[in-house]
Amino acid sequence: MTRTDLAMTRTDAKLIERLVAAVESLAEASGEPRCYPPAQAAELLGKSENWVVEAIQDRRIPFTYIGRTPMLTAKHIRAIQDSGEVQPRVLRAA
């Protein structure tokens, strides 16, 4: 192995490490760390911002605090949607 080969191997290893770090950060970013303020959450839920704020104050919907600001994650919004789901009645045969 020559010096040039060794230098290229070190460069390749550093490049691969940077590439792995970039891919890992993209994988983390595609998860659910995004939080929505009440105005954006209201838009996603099809409700008014006032409804979301009052529901947070009354503790009727799930949320999290980021500092002093109440925020909703995608998981919270899905839970709110799921809590309103109504299943059809099963009718008995006569």
N, C-alpha and C. Protein backbone atom coordinates (compact mmCIF):
# COMPACT_ATOMS: atom_id res chain seq x y z
N MET A 1 0.85 -1.17 0.00
CA MET A 1 0.00 0.00 0.00
C MET A 1 0.90 1.23 0.00
N THR A 2 0.63 2.15 -0.91
CA THR A 2 1.44 3.35 -1.03
C THR A 2 0.86 4.46 -0.15
N ARG A 3 1.61 5.55 -0.02
CA ARG A 3 1.13 6.69 0.75
C ARG A 3 -0.15 7.27 0.14
N THR A 4 -0.20 7.29 -1.17
CA THR A 4 -1.38 7.82 -1.85
C THR A 4 -2.60 6.95 -1.53
N ASP A 5 -2.42 5.63 -1.54
CA ASP A 5 -3.52 4.73 -1.22
C ASP A 5 -3.98 4.94 0.22
N LEU A 6 -3.02 5.11 1.13
CA LEU A 6 -3.34 5.32 2.54
C LEU A 6 -4.08 6.63 2.74
N ALA A 7 -3.63 7.70 2.08
CA ALA A 7 -4.29 8.99 2.18
C ALA A 7 -5.71 8.92 1.64
N MET A 8 -5.89 8.20 0.53
CA MET A 8 -7.21 8.06 -0.06
C MET A 8 -8.12 7.28 0.88
N THR A 9 -7.61 6.26 1.55
CA THR A 9 -8.40 5.47 2.48
C THR A 9 -8.85 6.32 3.66
N ARG A 10 -7.97 7.15 4.19
CA ARG A 10 -8.34 8.04 5.30
C ARG A 10 -9.40 9.04 4.85
N THR A 11 -9.24 9.59 3.66
CA THR A 11 -10.22 10.53 3.13
C THR A 11 -11.56 9.84 2.93
N ASP A 12 -11.53 8.63 2.39
CA ASP A 12 -12.77 7.88 2.19
C ASP A 12 -13.45 7.59 3.53
N ALA A 13 -12.67 7.25 4.54
CA ALA A 13 -13.24 6.95 5.85
C ALA A 13 -13.90 8.20 6.44
N LYS A 14 -13.26 9.35 6.30
CA LYS A 14 -13.86 10.60 6.80
C LYS A 14 -15.12 10.94 6.02
N LEU A 15 -15.08 10.73 4.73
CA LEU A 15 -16.25 10.99 3.90
C LEU A 15 -17.40 10.07 4.27
N ILE A 16 -17.10 8.82 4.51
CA ILE A 16 -18.13 7.87 4.91
C ILE A 16 -18.71 8.24 6.27
N GLU A 17 -17.87 8.66 7.21
CA GLU A 17 -18.35 9.08 8.53
C GLU A 17 -19.30 10.28 8.39
N ARG A 18 -18.93 11.25 7.55
CA ARG A 18 -19.79 12.41 7.34
C ARG A 18 -21.10 12.02 6.69
N LEU A 19 -21.02 11.09 5.74
CA LEU A 19 -22.23 10.63 5.07
C LEU A 19 -23.16 9.90 6.04
N VAL A 20 -22.60 9.05 6.88
CA VAL A 20 -23.40 8.34 7.89
C VAL A 20 -24.06 9.33 8.84
N ALA A 21 -23.32 10.33 9.29
CA ALA A 21 -23.87 11.34 10.19
C ALA A 21 -25.02 12.11 9.51
N ALA A 22 -24.85 12.43 8.24
CA ALA A 22 -25.90 13.14 7.52
C ALA A 22 -27.15 12.29 7.37
N VAL A 23 -26.98 11.02 7.06
CA VAL A 23 -28.13 10.11 6.91
C VAL A 23 -28.83 9.93 8.24
N GLU A 24 -28.08 9.78 9.32
CA GLU A 24 -28.69 9.64 10.65
C GLU A 24 -29.47 10.88 11.04
N SER A 25 -28.94 12.06 10.74
CA SER A 25 -29.66 13.30 11.08
C SER A 25 -30.94 13.43 10.25
N LEU A 26 -30.91 12.98 9.00
CA LEU A 26 -32.12 12.99 8.18
C LEU A 26 -33.16 12.02 8.73
N ALA A 27 -32.71 10.86 9.20
CA ALA A 27 -33.64 9.89 9.78
C ALA A 27 -34.30 10.44 11.03
N GLU A 28 -33.54 11.15 11.85
CA GLU A 28 -34.10 11.76 13.06
C GLU A 28 -35.08 12.87 12.69
N ALA A 29 -34.76 13.63 11.65
CA ALA A 29 -35.61 14.75 11.24
C ALA A 29 -36.93 14.27 10.66
N SER A 30 -36.95 13.06 10.12
CA SER A 30 -38.19 12.57 9.52
C SER A 30 -39.12 11.95 10.56
N GLY A 31 -38.70 11.90 11.80
CA GLY A 31 -39.55 11.38 12.87
C GLY A 31 -40.62 12.40 13.22
N GLU A 32 -41.06 12.45 14.45
CA GLU A 32 -42.13 13.35 14.86
C GLU A 32 -41.70 14.42 15.87
N PRO A 33 -40.53 14.99 15.71
CA PRO A 33 -40.16 15.99 16.70
C PRO A 33 -40.84 17.34 16.48
N ARG A 34 -41.49 17.54 15.35
CA ARG A 34 -42.12 18.83 15.05
C ARG A 34 -43.30 19.08 15.98
N CYS A 35 -43.36 20.28 16.51
CA CYS A 35 -44.46 20.68 17.37
C CYS A 35 -45.22 21.82 16.70
N TYR A 36 -46.54 21.82 16.89
CA TYR A 36 -47.40 22.82 16.29
C TYR A 36 -47.99 23.72 17.37
N PRO A 37 -47.94 25.04 17.17
CA PRO A 37 -48.63 25.93 18.10
C PRO A 37 -50.14 25.79 17.91
N PRO A 38 -50.94 26.28 18.84
CA PRO A 38 -52.39 26.12 18.73
C PRO A 38 -52.99 26.56 17.40
N ALA A 39 -52.49 27.64 16.81
CA ALA A 39 -53.05 28.12 15.54
C ALA A 39 -52.86 27.09 14.42
N GLN A 40 -51.67 26.51 14.31
CA GLN A 40 -51.42 25.51 13.28
C GLN A 40 -52.16 24.21 13.59
N ALA A 41 -52.20 23.83 14.86
CA ALA A 41 -52.92 22.61 15.24
C ALA A 41 -54.40 22.76 14.92
N ALA A 42 -54.95 23.95 15.14
CA ALA A 42 -56.36 24.19 14.85
C ALA A 42 -56.63 24.01 13.36
N GLU A 43 -55.73 24.50 12.55
CA GLU A 43 -55.88 24.36 11.10
C GLU A 43 -55.85 22.88 10.70
N LEU A 44 -54.95 22.11 11.28
CA LEU A 44 -54.86 20.68 10.98
C LEU A 44 -56.10 19.93 11.45
N LEU A 45 -56.68 20.36 12.55
CA LEU A 45 -57.85 19.69 13.12
C LEU A 45 -59.17 20.19 12.52
N GLY A 46 -59.11 21.28 11.79
CA GLY A 46 -60.34 21.86 11.26
C GLY A 46 -61.18 22.54 12.32
N LYS A 47 -60.52 23.06 13.34
CA LYS A 47 -61.20 23.74 14.45
C LYS A 47 -60.66 25.17 14.51
N SER A 48 -61.24 25.97 15.39
CA SER A 48 -60.74 27.34 15.56
C SER A 48 -59.57 27.31 16.55
N GLU A 49 -58.75 28.33 16.46
CA GLU A 49 -57.64 28.44 17.42
C GLU A 49 -58.19 28.56 18.84
N ASN A 50 -59.30 29.28 18.99
CA ASN A 50 -59.91 29.45 20.29
C ASN A 50 -60.32 28.09 20.89
N TRP A 51 -60.87 27.20 20.05
CA TRP A 51 -61.28 25.88 20.52
C TRP A 51 -60.06 25.11 21.05
N VAL A 52 -58.96 25.17 20.31
CA VAL A 52 -57.74 24.46 20.73
C VAL A 52 -57.21 25.04 22.03
N VAL A 53 -57.15 26.36 22.13
CA VAL A 53 -56.63 27.01 23.34
C VAL A 53 -57.49 26.65 24.55
N GLU A 54 -58.82 26.72 24.39
CA GLU A 54 -59.71 26.37 25.51
C GLU A 54 -59.59 24.90 25.88
N ALA A 55 -59.46 24.03 24.88
CA ALA A 55 -59.31 22.60 25.16
C ALA A 55 -58.00 22.32 25.91
N ILE A 56 -56.96 23.06 25.57
CA ILE A 56 -55.68 22.92 26.29
C ILE A 56 -55.85 23.40 27.73
N GLN A 57 -56.48 24.58 27.91
CA GLN A 57 -56.66 25.13 29.25
C GLN A 57 -57.51 24.21 30.12
N ASP A 58 -58.52 23.56 29.51
CA ASP A 58 -59.39 22.66 30.26
C ASP A 58 -58.82 21.25 30.37
N ARG A 59 -57.65 21.03 29.76
CA ARG A 59 -56.98 19.72 29.76
C ARG A 59 -57.85 18.64 29.09
N ARG A 60 -58.59 19.03 28.03
CA ARG A 60 -59.43 18.07 27.31
C ARG A 60 -58.68 17.39 26.17
N ILE A 61 -57.54 17.95 25.77
CA ILE A 61 -56.75 17.36 24.69
C ILE A 61 -55.30 17.23 25.14
N PRO A 62 -54.57 16.29 24.57
CA PRO A 62 -53.16 16.14 24.93
C PRO A 62 -52.31 17.25 24.31
N PHE A 63 -51.29 17.67 25.04
CA PHE A 63 -50.36 18.69 24.55
C PHE A 63 -49.09 18.60 25.36
N THR A 64 -48.09 19.37 24.98
CA THR A 64 -46.84 19.44 25.72
C THR A 64 -46.42 20.89 25.82
N TYR A 65 -45.66 21.21 26.85
CA TYR A 65 -45.13 22.56 26.97
C TYR A 65 -43.71 22.59 26.42
N ILE A 66 -43.44 23.58 25.61
CA ILE A 66 -42.07 23.90 25.20
C ILE A 66 -41.81 25.26 25.84
N GLY A 67 -41.08 25.23 26.94
CA GLY A 67 -40.97 26.45 27.74
C GLY A 67 -42.32 26.69 28.39
N ARG A 68 -42.90 27.84 28.16
CA ARG A 68 -44.23 28.15 28.69
C ARG A 68 -45.32 28.07 27.62
N THR A 69 -44.93 27.64 26.42
CA THR A 69 -45.87 27.61 25.31
C THR A 69 -46.44 26.22 25.11
N PRO A 70 -47.76 26.06 25.13
CA PRO A 70 -48.34 24.75 24.86
C PRO A 70 -48.23 24.45 23.36
N MET A 71 -47.80 23.24 23.05
CA MET A 71 -47.62 22.81 21.67
C MET A 71 -48.22 21.42 21.50
N LEU A 72 -48.58 21.10 20.28
CA LEU A 72 -49.12 19.78 19.97
C LEU A 72 -48.22 19.10 18.94
N THR A 73 -47.93 17.83 19.16
CA THR A 73 -47.16 17.05 18.20
C THR A 73 -48.12 16.35 17.25
N ALA A 74 -47.59 15.73 16.23
CA ALA A 74 -48.42 14.95 15.30
C ALA A 74 -49.12 13.82 16.05
N LYS A 75 -48.44 13.25 17.03
CA LYS A 75 -49.03 12.18 17.84
C LYS A 75 -50.24 12.69 18.63
N HIS A 76 -50.13 13.90 19.18
CA HIS A 76 -51.26 14.51 19.91
C HIS A 76 -52.44 14.73 18.97
N ILE A 77 -52.15 15.25 17.79
CA ILE A 77 -53.22 15.54 16.84
C ILE A 77 -53.92 14.26 16.41
N ARG A 78 -53.15 13.19 16.16
CA ARG A 78 -53.77 11.90 15.83
C ARG A 78 -54.61 11.38 16.98
N ALA A 79 -54.15 11.55 18.22
CA ALA A 79 -54.92 11.10 19.39
C ALA A 79 -56.24 11.86 19.50
N ILE A 80 -56.22 13.16 19.21
CA ILE A 80 -57.44 13.96 19.24
C ILE A 80 -58.41 13.46 18.17
N GLN A 81 -57.89 13.22 16.98
CA GLN A 81 -58.73 12.72 15.90
C GLN A 81 -59.31 11.35 16.25
N ASP A 82 -58.49 10.47 16.81
CA ASP A 82 -58.94 9.12 17.16
C ASP A 82 -59.98 9.14 18.28
N SER A 83 -59.87 10.10 19.19
CA SER A 83 -60.81 10.15 20.32
C SER A 83 -62.22 10.52 19.87
N GLY A 84 -62.34 11.14 18.71
CA GLY A 84 -63.66 11.52 18.22
C GLY A 84 -64.28 10.49 17.28
N GLU A 85 -63.58 9.39 17.07
CA GLU A 85 -64.07 8.38 16.13
C GLU A 85 -65.31 7.69 16.67
N VAL A 86 -66.29 7.53 15.83
CA VAL A 86 -67.54 6.86 16.20
C VAL A 86 -67.69 5.63 15.32
N GLN A 87 -67.90 4.50 15.95
CA GLN A 87 -68.08 3.25 15.22
C GLN A 87 -69.57 3.05 14.92
N PRO A 88 -69.89 2.45 13.79
CA PRO A 88 -71.31 2.22 13.48
C PRO A 88 -71.91 1.18 14.44
N ARG A 89 -73.21 1.32 14.66
CA ARG A 89 -73.90 0.34 15.50
C ARG A 89 -74.06 -0.95 14.73
N VAL A 90 -74.04 -2.04 15.47
CA VAL A 90 -74.28 -3.34 14.86
C VAL A 90 -75.77 -3.63 15.04
N LEU A 91 -76.46 -3.78 13.95
CA LEU A 91 -77.89 -4.04 14.02
C LEU A 91 -78.13 -5.55 14.15
N ARG A 92 -79.03 -5.90 15.02
CA ARG A 92 -79.37 -7.31 15.19
C ARG A 92 -80.36 -7.74 14.13
N ALA A 93 -80.22 -8.95 13.71
CA ALA A 93 -81.17 -9.49 12.73
C ALA A 93 -82.51 -9.73 13.43
N ALA A 94 -83.60 -9.41 12.74
CA ALA A 94 -84.93 -9.56 13.34
C ALA A 94 -85.41 -10.99 13.32
